[in-house]
């Protein structure tokens, strides 16, 4: 019985030993190779440590892979045209409130950007109310207030894919209790 146990033990361990020896022989080459030339155009800049707020909404532009809009909590609307290397605030002087709930760019006309104002965080931190909907027809250079002032917190903006005049807005209204301003517009 004892030789059988030893044989069973050897048969059980031998595949493990062989496998571990095979693993040791392999030298892992890096799977991602980064060329130094990728960083030549970048300039180092200080980005902290200081509090910069949160980004709560973002949207890319169809057909323009390096252009994005970002909505922040308290910082308004920002735009990049170089894939995030630089950002420019495009909302200063146009918005009454600085907190963006959602942002959408029209698929059929990339100059049309619609923003719903007011923080809508799902985790319950809704500290900044908004004042409705803003629309830009010139790629974020200027903004016009479109209404829904009392909706307070807009969580979703959807622009129809072929008709940018059709826009759906999901508004939360007053955070606690009944609200006539809650719903889909």
C-alpha atoms as a PDB file:
ATOM      1  CA  UNK A   1       0.000   0.000   0.000  1.00  0.00           C
ATOM      2  CA  UNK A   2       2.900   2.305   0.769  1.00  0.00           C
ATOM      3  CA  UNK A   3       4.477   2.053  -2.729  1.00  0.00           C
ATOM      4  CA  UNK A   4       1.064   2.832  -4.231  1.00  0.00           C
ATOM      5  CA  UNK A   5       0.803   6.044  -2.190  1.00  0.00           C
ATOM      6  CA  UNK A   6       4.291   7.110  -3.235  1.00  0.00           C
ATOM      7  CA  UNK A   7       3.490   6.420  -6.889  1.00  0.00           C
ATOM      8  CA  UNK A   8       0.226   8.349  -6.603  1.00  0.00           C
ATOM      9  CA  UNK A   9       2.042  11.235  -4.917  1.00  0.00           C
ATOM     10  CA  UNK A  10       4.721  11.350  -7.662  1.00  0.00           C
ATOM     11  CA  UNK A  11       2.113  11.185 -10.423  1.00  0.00           C
ATOM     12  CA  UNK A  12       0.170  14.010  -8.826  1.00  0.00           C
ATOM     13  CA  UNK A  13       3.196  16.265  -8.263  1.00  0.00           C
ATOM     14  CA  UNK A  14       5.051  15.725 -11.543  1.00  0.00           C
ATOM     15  CA  UNK A  15       2.682  17.807 -13.719  1.00  0.00           C
ATOM     16  CA  UNK A  16       2.877  20.649 -11.210  1.00  0.00           C
ATOM     17  CA  UNK A  17       6.673  20.568 -11.161  1.00  0.00           C
ATOM     18  CA  UNK A  18       6.906  20.453 -14.947  1.00  0.00           C
ATOM     19  CA  UNK A  19       4.440  23.326 -15.297  1.00  0.00           C
ATOM     20  CA  UNK A  20       6.297  25.481 -12.776  1.00  0.00           C
ATOM     21  CA  UNK A  21       9.596  24.830 -14.596  1.00  0.00           C
ATOM     22  CA  UNK A  22       8.036  25.887 -17.895  1.00  0.00           C
ATOM     23  CA  UNK A  23       6.776  29.107 -16.339  1.00  0.00           C
ATOM     24  CA  UNK A  24      10.214  29.930 -14.960  1.00  0.00           C
ATOM     25  CA  UNK A  25      11.858  29.531 -18.371  1.00  0.00           C
ATOM     26  CA  UNK A  26       9.641  32.138 -20.041  1.00  0.00           C
ATOM     27  CA  UNK A  27      10.790  35.715 -19.859  1.00  0.00           C
ATOM     28  CA  UNK A  28       7.903  38.077 -20.267  1.00  0.00           C
ATOM     29  CA  UNK A  29       8.428  40.801 -22.826  1.00  0.00           C
ATOM     30  CA  UNK A  30       6.480  43.995 -22.262  1.00  0.00           C
ATOM     31  CA  UNK A  31       3.203  43.753 -24.123  1.00  0.00           C
ATOM     32  CA  UNK A  32       2.909  47.502 -24.624  1.00  0.00           C
ATOM     33  CA  UNK A  33       5.800  49.404 -26.116  1.00  0.00           C
ATOM     34  CA  UNK A  34       5.670  53.163 -25.732  1.00  0.00           C
ATOM     35  CA  UNK A  35       7.759  55.264 -28.062  1.00  0.00           C
ATOM     36  CA  UNK A  36       9.408  58.324 -26.516  1.00  0.00           C
ATOM     37  CA  UNK A  37       8.440  60.295 -29.624  1.00  0.00           C
ATOM     38  CA  UNK A  38       4.793  60.119 -28.509  1.00  0.00           C
ATOM     39  CA  UNK A  39       5.580  62.608 -25.742  1.00  0.00           C
ATOM     40  CA  UNK A  40       7.688  65.158 -27.654  1.00  0.00           C
ATOM     41  CA  UNK A  41       4.802  67.590 -28.217  1.00  0.00           C
ATOM     42  CA  UNK A  42       3.672  67.550 -24.589  1.00  0.00           C
ATOM     43  CA  UNK A  43       4.635  70.224 -22.107  1.00  0.00           C
ATOM     44  CA  UNK A  44       4.753  69.388 -18.415  1.00  0.00           C
ATOM     45  CA  UNK A  45       2.456  71.474 -16.241  1.00  0.00           C
ATOM     46  CA  UNK A  46       1.397  71.484 -12.617  1.00  0.00           C
ATOM     47  CA  UNK A  47      -2.080  70.034 -12.218  1.00  0.00           C
ATOM     48  CA  UNK A  48      -2.186  69.858  -8.455  1.00  0.00           C
ATOM     49  CA  UNK A  49      -2.342  69.242  -5.595  1.00  0.00           C
ATOM     50  CA  UNK A  50      -5.395  71.429  -5.317  1.00  0.00           C
ATOM     51  CA  UNK A  51      -9.075  70.748  -5.445  1.00  0.00           C
ATOM     52  CA  UNK A  52     -10.399  70.919  -8.979  1.00  0.00           C
ATOM     53  CA  UNK A  53     -13.951  69.671  -8.620  1.00  0.00           C
ATOM     54  CA  UNK A  54     -15.574  66.813 -10.471  1.00  0.00           C
ATOM     55  CA  UNK A  55     -16.351  66.069 -14.066  1.00  0.00           C
ATOM     56  CA  UNK A  56     -19.929  64.849 -14.191  1.00  0.00           C
ATOM     57  CA  UNK A  57     -20.654  64.809 -17.921  1.00  0.00           C
ATOM     58  CA  UNK A  58     -18.761  64.412 -21.161  1.00  0.00           C
ATOM     59  CA  UNK A  59     -19.473  63.978 -24.839  1.00  0.00           C
ATOM     60  CA  UNK A  60     -17.393  63.383 -27.930  1.00  0.00           C
ATOM     61  CA  UNK A  61     -18.089  64.756 -31.387  1.00  0.00           C
ATOM     62  CA  UNK A  62     -18.951  62.341 -34.204  1.00  0.00           C
ATOM     63  CA  UNK A  63     -16.406  62.663 -37.009  1.00  0.00           C
ATOM     64  CA  UNK A  64     -14.002  64.701 -34.854  1.00  0.00           C
ATOM     65  CA  UNK A  65     -12.148  62.112 -32.759  1.00  0.00           C
ATOM     66  CA  UNK A  66     -10.029  64.673 -30.913  1.00  0.00           C
ATOM     67  CA  UNK A  67     -12.885  66.982 -29.858  1.00  0.00           C
ATOM     68  CA  UNK A  68     -14.702  66.538 -26.540  1.00  0.00           C
ATOM     69  CA  UNK A  69     -16.866  68.591 -24.209  1.00  0.00           C
ATOM     70  CA  UNK A  70     -16.770  68.170 -20.440  1.00  0.00           C
ATOM     71  CA  UNK A  71     -19.277  69.406 -17.880  1.00  0.00           C
ATOM     72  CA  UNK A  72     -18.105  69.964 -14.318  1.00  0.00           C
ATOM     73  CA  UNK A  73     -19.531  70.525 -10.871  1.00  0.00           C
ATOM     74  CA  UNK A  74     -19.073  74.240 -10.338  1.00  0.00           C
ATOM     75  CA  UNK A  75     -16.709  74.843 -13.260  1.00  0.00           C
ATOM     76  CA  UNK A  76     -19.015  75.055 -16.266  1.00  0.00           C
ATOM     77  CA  UNK A  77     -18.353  73.632 -19.719  1.00  0.00           C
ATOM     78  CA  UNK A  78     -14.911  72.861 -21.117  1.00  0.00           C
ATOM     79  CA  UNK A  79     -13.828  71.881 -24.638  1.00  0.00           C
ATOM     80  CA  UNK A  80     -10.745  70.204 -26.083  1.00  0.00           C
ATOM     81  CA  UNK A  81      -9.876  69.943 -29.767  1.00  0.00           C
ATOM     82  CA  UNK A  82      -6.526  68.170 -29.248  1.00  0.00           C
ATOM     83  CA  UNK A  83      -7.646  64.981 -27.493  1.00  0.00           C
ATOM     84  CA  UNK A  84      -7.414  66.429 -23.991  1.00  0.00           C
ATOM     85  CA  UNK A  85      -3.942  67.943 -24.113  1.00  0.00           C
ATOM     86  CA  UNK A  86      -5.447  71.398 -23.581  1.00  0.00           C
ATOM     87  CA  UNK A  87      -8.900  72.424 -22.371  1.00  0.00           C
ATOM     88  CA  UNK A  88     -10.688  75.765 -22.759  1.00  0.00           C
ATOM     89  CA  UNK A  89     -13.647  76.974 -20.728  1.00  0.00           C
ATOM     90  CA  UNK A  90     -16.398  77.806 -23.216  1.00  0.00           C
ATOM     91  CA  UNK A  91     -19.183  78.789 -20.812  1.00  0.00           C
ATOM     92  CA  UNK A  92     -17.851  81.718 -18.784  1.00  0.00           C
ATOM     93  CA  UNK A  93     -20.125  84.721 -19.202  1.00  0.00           C
ATOM     94  CA  UNK A  94     -23.043  82.718 -20.587  1.00  0.00           C
ATOM     95  CA  UNK A  95     -24.318  80.503 -17.754  1.00  0.00           C
ATOM     96  CA  UNK A  96     -26.096  81.613 -14.566  1.00  0.00           C
ATOM     97  CA  UNK A  97     -25.016  78.462 -12.710  1.00  0.00           C
ATOM     98  CA  UNK A  98     -21.780  76.518 -13.044  1.00  0.00           C
ATOM     99  CA  UNK A  99     -22.802  72.913 -12.476  1.00  0.00           C
ATOM    100  CA  UNK A 100     -23.513  70.719 -15.488  1.00  0.00           C
ATOM    101  CA  UNK A 101     -25.760  67.653 -15.198  1.00  0.00           C
ATOM    102  CA  UNK A 102     -25.377  66.323 -18.742  1.00  0.00           C
ATOM    103  CA  UNK A 103     -24.045  67.371 -22.120  1.00  0.00           C
ATOM    104  CA  UNK A 104     -24.873  66.156 -25.636  1.00  0.00           C
ATOM    105  CA  UNK A 105     -23.530  66.942 -29.104  1.00  0.00           C
ATOM    106  CA  UNK A 106     -25.707  66.505 -32.175  1.00  0.00           C
ATOM    107  CA  UNK A 107     -24.684  63.639 -34.454  1.00  0.00           C
ATOM    108  CA  UNK A 108     -26.089  65.385 -37.538  1.00  0.00           C
ATOM    109  CA  UNK A 109     -24.672  68.853 -36.755  1.00  0.00           C
ATOM    110  CA  UNK A 110     -21.583  68.900 -34.500  1.00  0.00           C
ATOM    111  CA  UNK A 111     -21.984  72.647 -33.921  1.00  0.00           C
ATOM    112  CA  UNK A 112     -25.112  72.001 -31.851  1.00  0.00           C
ATOM    113  CA  UNK A 113     -24.340  71.282 -28.202  1.00  0.00           C
ATOM    114  CA  UNK A 114     -27.043  71.046 -25.515  1.00  0.00           C
ATOM    115  CA  UNK A 115     -26.329  71.159 -21.795  1.00  0.00           C
ATOM    116  CA  UNK A 116     -28.626  70.362 -18.871  1.00  0.00           C
ATOM    117  CA  UNK A 117     -27.644  72.140 -15.684  1.00  0.00           C
ATOM    118  CA  UNK A 118     -27.611  70.905 -12.080  1.00  0.00           C
ATOM    119  CA  UNK A 119     -25.726  68.126 -10.355  1.00  0.00           C
ATOM    120  CA  UNK A 120     -27.465  64.759 -10.548  1.00  0.00           C
ATOM    121  CA  UNK A 121     -25.030  62.434  -8.793  1.00  0.00           C
ATOM    122  CA  UNK A 122     -26.525  58.998  -8.253  1.00  0.00           C
ATOM    123  CA  UNK A 123     -24.780  58.662  -4.899  1.00  0.00           C
ATOM    124  CA  UNK A 124     -27.011  61.340  -3.423  1.00  0.00           C
ATOM    125  CA  UNK A 125     -24.664  64.327  -3.431  1.00  0.00           C
ATOM    126  CA  UNK A 126     -26.762  66.879  -5.258  1.00  0.00           C
ATOM    127  CA  UNK A 127     -25.370  70.063  -3.815  1.00  0.00           C
ATOM    128  CA  UNK A 128     -25.554  72.325  -6.847  1.00  0.00           C
ATOM    129  CA  UNK A 129     -28.850  73.134  -8.511  1.00  0.00           C
ATOM    130  CA  UNK A 130     -29.066  74.187 -12.117  1.00  0.00           C
ATOM    131  CA  UNK A 131     -31.226  76.606 -14.026  1.00  0.00           C
ATOM    132  CA  UNK A 132     -32.410  74.558 -16.981  1.00  0.00           C
ATOM    133  CA  UNK A 133     -31.062  73.962 -20.461  1.00  0.00           C
ATOM    134  CA  UNK A 134     -28.506  75.829 -22.553  1.00  0.00           C
ATOM    135  CA  UNK A 135     -27.842  75.374 -26.260  1.00  0.00           C
ATOM    136  CA  UNK A 136     -24.942  76.345 -28.491  1.00  0.00           C
ATOM    137  CA  UNK A 137     -25.282  76.402 -32.281  1.00  0.00           C
ATOM    138  CA  UNK A 138     -21.672  77.400 -32.949  1.00  0.00           C
ATOM    139  CA  UNK A 139     -19.641  74.647 -31.306  1.00  0.00           C
ATOM    140  CA  UNK A 140     -19.614  76.195 -27.831  1.00  0.00           C
ATOM    141  CA  UNK A 141     -18.591  79.764 -28.725  1.00  0.00           C
ATOM    142  CA  UNK A 142     -21.889  81.176 -27.455  1.00  0.00           C
ATOM    143  CA  UNK A 143     -24.747  79.755 -25.378  1.00  0.00           C
ATOM    144  CA  UNK A 144     -28.462  80.569 -25.161  1.00  0.00           C
ATOM    145  CA  UNK A 145     -30.727  79.681 -22.249  1.00  0.00           C
ATOM    146  CA  UNK A 146     -33.575  77.508 -23.552  1.00  0.00           C
ATOM    147  CA  UNK A 147     -35.779  77.193 -20.452  1.00  0.00           C
ATOM    148  CA  UNK A 148     -36.763  74.580 -17.844  1.00  0.00           C
ATOM    149  CA  UNK A 149     -35.422  76.926 -15.160  1.00  0.00           C
ATOM    150  CA  UNK A 150     -37.045  75.124 -12.219  1.00  0.00           C
ATOM    151  CA  UNK A 151     -35.988  71.570 -13.065  1.00  0.00           C
ATOM    152  CA  UNK A 152     -32.968  71.957 -10.724  1.00  0.00           C
ATOM    153  CA  UNK A 153     -31.157  68.708 -11.620  1.00  0.00           C
ATOM    154  CA  UNK A 154     -30.957  67.451 -15.216  1.00  0.00           C
ATOM    155  CA  UNK A 155     -29.567  63.944 -15.511  1.00  0.00           C
ATOM    156  CA  UNK A 156     -29.833  63.229 -19.230  1.00  0.00           C
ATOM    157  CA  UNK A 157     -29.870  65.126 -22.522  1.00  0.00           C
ATOM    158  CA  UNK A 158     -30.506  63.283 -25.794  1.00  0.00           C
ATOM    159  CA  UNK A 159     -30.487  64.950 -29.209  1.00  0.00           C
ATOM    160  CA  UNK A 160     -32.341  63.173 -32.013  1.00  0.00           C
ATOM    161  CA  UNK A 161     -29.730  61.623 -34.349  1.00  0.00           C
ATOM    162  CA  UNK A 162     -31.082  63.192 -37.566  1.00  0.00           C
ATOM    163  CA  UNK A 163     -33.136  66.185 -36.366  1.00  0.00           C
ATOM    164  CA  UNK A 164     -31.206  68.333 -33.852  1.00  0.00           C
ATOM    165  CA  UNK A 165     -34.364  70.353 -33.155  1.00  0.00           C
ATOM    166  CA  UNK A 166     -35.782  67.351 -31.262  1.00  0.00           C
ATOM    167  CA  UNK A 167     -34.212  67.156 -27.808  1.00  0.00           C
ATOM    168  CA  UNK A 168     -35.177  64.956 -24.862  1.00  0.00           C
ATOM    169  CA  UNK A 169     -34.416  66.140 -21.326  1.00  0.00           C
ATOM    170  CA  UNK A 170     -34.657  64.011 -18.164  1.00  0.00           C
ATOM    171  CA  UNK A 171     -35.145  66.297 -15.172  1.00  0.00           C
ATOM    172  CA  UNK A 172     -35.245  65.305 -11.524  1.00  0.00           C
ATOM    173  CA  UNK A 173     -36.893  68.449 -10.206  1.00  0.00           C
ATOM    174  CA  UNK A 174     -36.897  69.100  -6.470  1.00  0.00           C
ATOM    175  CA  UNK A 175     -34.727  66.546  -4.736  1.00  0.00           C
ATOM    176  CA  UNK A 176     -37.041  65.775  -1.821  1.00  0.00           C
ATOM    177  CA  UNK A 177     -40.804  65.579  -2.195  1.00  0.00           C
ATOM    178  CA  UNK A 178     -43.232  66.103  -5.043  1.00  0.00           C
ATOM    179  CA  UNK A 179     -42.213  68.274  -7.975  1.00  0.00           C
ATOM    180  CA  UNK A 180     -44.168  69.542 -10.988  1.00  0.00           C
ATOM    181  CA  UNK A 181     -40.826  70.004 -12.743  1.00  0.00           C
ATOM    182  CA  UNK A 182     -39.743  66.356 -12.615  1.00  0.00           C
ATOM    183  CA  UNK A 183     -40.047  64.297 -15.783  1.00  0.00           C
ATOM    184  CA  UNK A 184     -39.003  63.843 -19.387  1.00  0.00           C
ATOM    185  CA  UNK A 185     -39.371  66.857 -21.644  1.00  0.00           C
END
